[in-house]
Amino acid sequence: MTFLTAAINPGLAGFRNTISVDQVAAMHFGHATRFPSITLGSNTRESQSFNSNGVMLPADNRPSQVFAKLFLAGSPEDQRRQKQRLAEGRSILDAVGDQTKSLNRRVSGGDRKQLDEYFAAIRTAEKELAASDAWLERPKPEVKVEIPKDIAEPSELLGRIRELMNLIPLMLQTDSTRVVSLMIQADHGVPNIAGVQSGHHPLSHHGQDPARISQLKIIESGILSTFSDFLTQLGQRSTQGARLLDHTAVLFGSNLGNANAHDPGNLPIILAGGSYDHGRYMAYDKRNNIPLCNLFVNMLNNMGIETESFATSSGNLSW
């Protein structure tokens, strides 16, 4: 839950998550695009994206619905209902805002601070609603691809990942969003992959059993092959000779360096695209790890978001 937030002490009593790096970028770009960010999940609505209040943003896990949201206009009745929902949302916020302002005059300092945070969340929601309303009046982009089909069976891990990854180049080509996250989840049961007889998560706790490690390699090699195909798509040149990969930074990695021991150090991380200097493998001090969020600082700066720190960072990772 803290892979993209770098918040400390996850899982302990009183833990409260913080904003994830993708949402920092989304807030920076705002509604310059129809969607400030798109959050995807390979099976469930769980995600690793958290807003400024540390609340998880639910993931979209059905490619057909993601495609419809991005590229299908819907019927006039659908559009009317959407406008009505936006209007109802604003009226609810107005009513709640009036009540909380009255309450604010009668509470202690500590409670007032919480209410101020609540007001800030309401104001953010109001801005989001207004921006969404404006985008309703603009036609969605047209793409010449078939609507993707949802894969109902959770065990089709690689197929589910591939369908979601295939949508990301379309999102970027049409400038529908500039920030996308995809969580490859562990709850797919036994993946339907030749040579695999157990689930991804149980196999990651392999106890150094060679047979279990062998199966784990099959699953993770398949995931990496799918990721390779995704990078190949981003690397294809358009008719204008440009490549999405040249100006799209892609981060791929795991929240554990040694899942068998639940060790979150020495994380395996791939950074592709984004005009970085590539083609090298960088190894850092295993005993005195550099925080992953140092890389996030670099990525934010590379996107034009000037910052010296993010979460528990100790600097800007460079190479």
Protein backbone atom coordinates (compact mmCIF):
# COMPACT_ATOMS: atom_id res chain seq x y z
CA MET A 1 0.00 0.00 0.00
CA THR A 2 2.99 2.34 0.21
CA PHE A 3 4.89 1.44 -2.98
CA LEU A 4 3.93 4.78 -4.58
CA THR A 5 3.48 6.82 -1.38
CA ALA A 6 6.63 5.93 0.66
CA ALA A 7 4.62 6.49 3.85
CA ILE A 8 6.26 4.95 6.91
CA ASN A 9 5.00 2.12 9.16
CA PRO A 10 2.34 0.57 6.89
CA GLY A 11 0.15 -1.93 8.71
CA LEU A 12 0.92 -0.63 12.20
CA ALA A 13 -1.75 0.76 14.52
CA GLY A 14 -2.60 4.35 13.70
CA PHE A 15 -1.03 4.19 10.24
CA ARG A 16 -2.34 6.75 7.79
CA ASN A 17 -1.29 6.69 4.19
CA THR A 18 -0.20 9.74 2.22
CA ILE A 19 -0.48 10.88 -1.38
CA SER A 20 1.05 8.65 -4.07
CA VAL A 21 3.52 10.04 -6.59
CA ASP A 22 1.15 9.48 -9.53
CA GLN A 23 -1.46 11.68 -7.84
CA VAL A 24 1.10 14.43 -7.22
CA ALA A 25 1.62 14.46 -10.99
CA ALA A 26 -2.14 14.27 -11.61
CA MET A 27 -2.75 17.31 -9.39
CA HIS A 28 -0.04 19.21 -11.28
CA PHE A 29 -1.57 18.55 -14.71
CA GLY A 30 -5.15 18.83 -13.42
CA HIS A 31 -7.85 18.87 -16.06
CA ALA A 32 -5.54 19.81 -18.92
CA THR A 33 -6.71 16.38 -20.06
CA ARG A 34 -10.14 14.79 -19.74
CA PHE A 35 -8.86 12.57 -16.92
CA PRO A 36 -6.14 13.82 -14.55
CA SER A 37 -5.17 10.18 -14.04
CA ILE A 38 -6.30 6.65 -14.85
CA THR A 39 -5.91 3.91 -12.23
CA LEU A 40 -6.01 0.28 -13.38
CA GLY A 41 -6.00 -3.09 -11.59
CA SER A 42 -5.48 -6.57 -13.05
CA ASN A 43 -8.32 -8.19 -11.08
CA THR A 44 -9.99 -6.18 -8.27
CA ARG A 45 -10.66 -2.50 -7.53
CA GLU A 46 -7.60 -2.36 -5.26
CA SER A 47 -4.92 0.12 -6.31
CA GLN A 48 -1.69 1.73 -5.16
CA SER A 49 -2.94 5.25 -5.91
CA PHE A 50 -3.86 7.44 -2.93
CA ASN A 51 -5.18 11.00 -2.89
CA SER A 52 -3.91 13.89 -0.77
CA ASN A 53 -5.97 12.60 2.18
CA GLY A 54 -4.40 9.14 1.98
CA VAL A 55 -7.58 7.56 0.59
CA MET A 56 -7.17 4.78 -1.97
CA LEU A 57 -8.52 5.53 -5.44
CA PRO A 58 -10.44 2.49 -6.76
CA ALA A 59 -8.93 0.87 -9.84
CA ASP A 60 -10.73 0.17 -13.11
CA ASN A 61 -10.35 -3.54 -13.83
CA ARG A 62 -12.59 -4.04 -16.88
CA PRO A 63 -10.98 -3.00 -20.19
CA SER A 64 -14.34 -2.59 -21.93
CA GLN A 65 -15.50 -0.06 -19.34
CA VAL A 66 -12.19 1.80 -19.47
CA PHE A 67 -12.47 1.99 -23.26
CA ALA A 68 -16.05 3.25 -23.04
CA LYS A 69 -15.09 5.92 -20.52
CA LEU A 70 -12.26 7.11 -22.75
CA PHE A 71 -13.63 6.84 -26.28
CA LEU A 72 -17.39 6.13 -26.46
CA ALA A 73 -19.74 9.12 -26.41
CA GLY A 74 -22.76 7.21 -25.16
CA SER A 75 -26.37 7.93 -26.04
CA PRO A 76 -28.00 11.34 -25.42
CA GLU A 77 -29.78 9.76 -22.47
CA ASP A 78 -26.46 8.56 -21.03
CA GLN A 79 -25.05 12.07 -21.33
CA ARG A 80 -28.15 13.56 -19.71
CA ARG A 81 -27.85 11.20 -16.75
CA GLN A 82 -24.16 12.02 -16.38
CA LYS A 83 -24.90 15.76 -16.29
CA GLN A 84 -27.64 15.12 -13.73
CA ARG A 85 -25.25 13.15 -11.51
CA LEU A 86 -22.73 15.99 -11.66
CA ALA A 87 -25.41 18.53 -10.74
CA GLU A 88 -26.62 16.38 -7.84
CA GLY A 89 -23.05 16.02 -6.62
CA ARG A 90 -22.61 19.77 -6.52
CA SER A 91 -25.89 20.33 -4.66
CA ILE A 92 -24.91 17.76 -2.01
CA LEU A 93 -21.55 19.45 -1.52
CA ASP A 94 -23.27 22.84 -1.16
CA ALA A 95 -25.57 21.49 1.55
CA VAL A 96 -22.77 19.75 3.45
CA GLY A 97 -20.62 22.86 3.18
CA ASP A 98 -23.29 25.03 4.83
CA GLN A 99 -23.71 22.56 7.69
CA THR A 100 -19.99 22.23 8.38
CA LYS A 101 -19.48 26.00 8.39
CA SER A 102 -22.10 26.25 11.11
CA LEU A 103 -20.44 23.45 13.05
CA ASN A 104 -17.01 25.05 12.71
CA ARG A 105 -18.10 27.94 14.92
CA ARG A 106 -18.85 25.58 17.83
CA VAL A 107 -15.88 23.18 17.94
CA SER A 108 -12.43 23.11 19.56
CA GLY A 109 -9.18 23.96 17.84
CA GLY A 110 -8.25 20.33 17.14
CA ASP A 111 -11.65 19.54 15.69
CA ARG A 112 -11.52 22.75 13.67
CA LYS A 113 -8.29 21.55 12.05
CA GLN A 114 -10.02 18.34 10.99
CA LEU A 115 -12.92 20.34 9.62
CA ASP A 116 -10.54 22.56 7.67
CA GLU A 117 -9.11 19.43 6.06
CA TYR A 118 -12.66 18.35 5.31
CA PHE A 119 -13.43 21.74 3.72
CA ALA A 120 -10.32 21.43 1.58
CA ALA A 121 -11.51 18.02 0.38
CA ILE A 122 -14.93 19.49 -0.47
CA ARG A 123 -13.37 22.36 -2.41
CA THR A 124 -11.23 19.86 -4.34
CA ALA A 125 -14.32 17.79 -5.14
CA GLU A 126 -16.18 20.89 -6.32
CA LYS A 127 -13.34 21.79 -8.69
CA GLU A 128 -13.28 18.22 -9.99
CA LEU A 129 -17.02 18.31 -10.64
CA ALA A 130 -16.80 21.64 -12.46
CA ALA A 131 -13.94 20.40 -14.64
CA SER A 132 -15.77 17.15 -15.40
CA ASP A 133 -18.83 19.16 -16.43
CA ALA A 134 -16.75 21.19 -18.88
CA TRP A 135 -15.30 18.06 -20.50
CA LEU A 136 -18.82 16.67 -21.02
CA GLU A 137 -19.37 19.31 -23.69
CA ARG A 138 -16.30 18.23 -25.67
CA PRO A 139 -16.41 15.20 -27.99
CA LYS A 140 -14.32 12.20 -27.03
CA PRO A 141 -11.47 11.23 -29.35
CA GLU A 142 -12.07 8.59 -31.99
CA VAL A 143 -9.78 5.58 -32.21
CA LYS A 144 -9.84 2.92 -34.93
CA VAL A 145 -9.60 -0.17 -32.74
CA GLU A 146 -12.13 -2.73 -31.59
CA ILE A 147 -13.65 -2.47 -28.13
CA PRO A 148 -11.58 -4.79 -25.90
CA LYS A 149 -13.30 -7.81 -24.42
CA ASP A 150 -13.22 -8.41 -20.69
CA ILE A 151 -11.56 -11.67 -19.64
CA ALA A 152 -13.85 -13.07 -16.97
CA GLU A 153 -11.52 -15.76 -15.63
CA PRO A 154 -9.11 -14.36 -12.99
CA SER A 155 -6.58 -17.13 -13.72
CA GLU A 156 -5.90 -15.56 -17.15
CA LEU A 157 -3.33 -13.30 -15.50
CA LEU A 158 -1.22 -12.49 -18.55
CA GLY A 159 -4.21 -11.91 -20.82
CA ARG A 160 -5.78 -9.52 -18.31
CA ILE A 161 -2.56 -7.54 -17.97
CA ARG A 162 -2.12 -7.40 -21.75
CA GLU A 163 -5.64 -6.05 -22.35
CA LEU A 164 -5.09 -3.22 -19.87
CA MET A 165 -1.61 -2.39 -21.15
CA ASN A 166 -2.92 -2.25 -24.72
CA LEU A 167 -5.18 0.65 -23.69
CA ILE A 168 -2.40 2.82 -22.27
CA PRO A 169 -0.82 3.85 -25.62
CA LEU A 170 -4.30 4.90 -26.81
CA MET A 171 -4.75 7.04 -23.68
CA LEU A 172 -1.43 8.78 -24.33
CA GLN A 173 -1.83 9.16 -28.10
CA THR A 174 -5.18 10.91 -27.64
CA ASP A 175 -3.93 12.95 -24.65
CA SER A 176 -6.88 11.65 -22.62
CA THR A 177 -4.58 11.51 -19.59
CA ARG A 178 -0.89 11.91 -18.83
CA VAL A 179 -0.74 9.79 -15.68
CA VAL A 180 -1.55 6.06 -15.60
CA SER A 181 -0.94 3.45 -12.91
CA LEU A 182 -1.51 -0.30 -13.21
CA MET A 183 -1.38 -2.64 -10.22
CA ILE A 184 -0.62 -6.27 -11.08
CA GLN A 185 -2.40 -8.00 -8.23
CA ALA A 186 -1.56 -11.26 -6.49
CA ASP A 187 -5.09 -12.65 -6.06
CA HIS A 188 -5.57 -14.39 -9.43
CA GLY A 189 -5.61 -17.92 -8.05
CA VAL A 190 -3.47 -20.38 -10.00
CA PRO A 191 -2.46 -18.58 -13.22
CA ASN A 192 -3.39 -20.41 -16.41
CA ILE A 193 0.23 -20.71 -17.58
CA ALA A 194 1.88 -23.95 -18.66
CA GLY A 195 4.09 -25.41 -15.94
CA VAL A 196 2.42 -23.51 -13.06
CA GLN A 197 0.46 -25.38 -10.37
CA SER A 198 0.20 -22.78 -7.61
CA GLY A 199 -0.73 -19.13 -7.10
CA HIS A 200 1.69 -16.25 -7.68
CA HIS A 201 1.62 -15.09 -4.06
CA PRO A 202 2.12 -18.54 -2.46
CA LEU A 203 4.96 -19.24 -4.88
CA SER A 204 6.69 -16.00 -3.89
CA HIS A 205 7.04 -17.57 -0.40
CA HIS A 206 9.03 -20.41 -1.89
CA GLY A 207 11.26 -21.32 1.08
CA GLN A 208 14.15 -21.82 -1.37
CA ASP A 209 12.33 -24.84 -2.86
CA PRO A 210 13.78 -25.15 -6.43
CA ALA A 211 10.50 -26.48 -7.85
CA ARG A 212 8.52 -23.51 -6.49
CA ILE A 213 11.18 -21.05 -7.64
CA SER A 214 11.00 -22.58 -11.11
CA GLN A 215 7.24 -21.99 -11.25
CA LEU A 216 7.67 -18.45 -9.94
CA LYS A 217 10.16 -17.74 -12.75
CA ILE A 218 7.61 -18.91 -15.32
CA ILE A 219 4.98 -16.47 -14.01
CA GLU A 220 7.29 -13.51 -13.68
CA SER A 221 8.98 -14.13 -17.03
CA GLY A 222 5.50 -14.06 -18.57
CA ILE A 223 4.70 -10.75 -16.86
CA LEU A 224 7.99 -9.25 -18.02
CA SER A 225 7.36 -10.47 -21.58
CA THR A 226 3.99 -8.70 -21.53
CA PHE A 227 5.68 -5.56 -20.23
CA SER A 228 8.26 -5.83 -23.03
CA ASP A 229 5.45 -5.95 -25.60
CA PHE A 230 3.96 -2.82 -23.98
CA LEU A 231 7.28 -0.94 -24.28
CA THR A 232 7.50 -2.07 -27.93
CA GLN A 233 4.10 -0.45 -28.56
CA LEU A 234 5.24 2.79 -26.97
CA GLY A 235 8.43 2.64 -29.03
CA GLN A 236 6.69 2.42 -32.40
CA ARG A 237 6.95 5.58 -34.48
CA SER A 238 3.83 7.44 -35.52
CA THR A 239 3.25 8.76 -39.03
CA GLN A 240 4.92 11.97 -37.85
CA GLY A 241 8.01 10.03 -36.81
CA ALA A 242 7.53 10.55 -33.06
CA ARG A 243 7.64 7.83 -30.38
CA LEU A 244 5.50 7.91 -27.25
CA LEU A 245 8.33 6.26 -25.34
CA ASP A 246 10.63 9.24 -25.92
CA HIS A 247 8.47 11.48 -23.75
CA THR A 248 6.75 8.94 -21.48
CA ALA A 249 8.55 7.77 -18.34
CA VAL A 250 7.57 4.20 -17.45
CA LEU A 251 8.26 2.79 -13.98
CA PHE A 252 7.92 -0.96 -13.40
CA GLY A 253 8.79 -2.76 -10.21
CA SER A 254 7.93 -4.75 -7.12
CA ASN A 255 7.16 -3.70 -3.55
CA LEU A 256 9.46 -6.44 -2.20
CA GLY A 257 13.08 -7.21 -2.96
CA ASN A 258 12.82 -10.66 -1.38
CA ALA A 259 9.19 -11.71 -1.12
CA ASN A 260 10.13 -14.97 0.57
CA ALA A 261 11.33 -12.98 3.60
CA HIS A 262 8.92 -10.02 3.13
CA ASP A 263 12.01 -7.82 2.73
CA PRO A 264 11.18 -4.41 1.17
CA GLY A 265 14.87 -3.56 0.54
CA ASN A 266 16.84 -3.86 -2.71
CA LEU A 267 13.77 -3.49 -4.90
CA PRO A 268 13.99 -4.58 -8.55
CA ILE A 269 13.04 -1.49 -10.54
CA ILE A 270 12.90 -0.77 -14.28
CA LEU A 271 12.75 2.80 -15.57
CA ALA A 272 12.13 3.15 -19.31
CA GLY A 273 11.53 6.03 -21.71
CA GLY A 274 11.08 9.63 -20.69
CA SER A 275 14.26 10.95 -22.37
CA TYR A 276 16.43 9.39 -19.66
CA ASP A 277 19.91 8.01 -20.33
CA HIS A 278 19.20 4.28 -20.57
CA GLY A 279 20.95 1.01 -21.27
CA ARG A 280 22.50 0.42 -17.87
CA TYR A 281 21.92 -1.67 -14.76
CA MET A 282 22.49 0.30 -11.57
CA ALA A 283 23.16 -1.50 -8.28
CA TYR A 284 23.11 0.42 -4.99
CA ASP A 285 24.42 -0.36 -1.50
CA LYS A 286 22.50 -3.43 -0.29
CA ARG A 287 23.03 -2.63 3.39
CA ASN A 288 22.37 1.10 3.16
CA ASN A 289 19.58 1.30 0.62
CA ILE A 290 18.69 4.50 -1.18
CA PRO A 291 14.94 5.21 -0.79
CA LEU A 292 12.86 4.45 -3.87
CA CYS A 293 11.18 7.83 -3.42
CA ASN A 294 14.50 9.47 -4.32
CA LEU A 295 13.75 8.19 -7.82
CA PHE A 296 10.25 9.68 -7.55
CA VAL A 297 11.82 13.09 -6.91
CA ASN A 298 13.81 12.70 -10.12
CA MET A 299 10.73 11.60 -12.09
CA LEU A 300 8.63 14.53 -10.84
CA ASN A 301 11.35 16.99 -11.79
CA ASN A 302 11.68 15.34 -15.19
CA MET A 303 7.95 15.99 -15.72
CA GLY A 304 8.39 19.68 -14.95
CA ILE A 305 7.15 19.40 -11.36
CA GLU A 306 9.90 21.12 -9.41
CA THR A 307 10.43 19.53 -6.01
CA GLU A 308 13.36 18.75 -3.74
CA SER A 309 11.66 15.97 -1.78
CA PHE A 310 8.85 13.45 -1.78
CA ALA A 311 7.65 11.62 1.34
CA THR A 312 10.67 10.06 3.10
CA SER A 313 13.20 10.84 0.35
CA SER A 314 16.78 11.76 1.24
CA GLY A 315 17.56 13.50 -2.04
CA ASN A 316 17.27 13.25 -5.80
CA LEU A 317 18.42 9.92 -7.26
CA SER A 318 20.74 10.47 -10.21
CA TRP A 319 22.97 8.18 -12.26
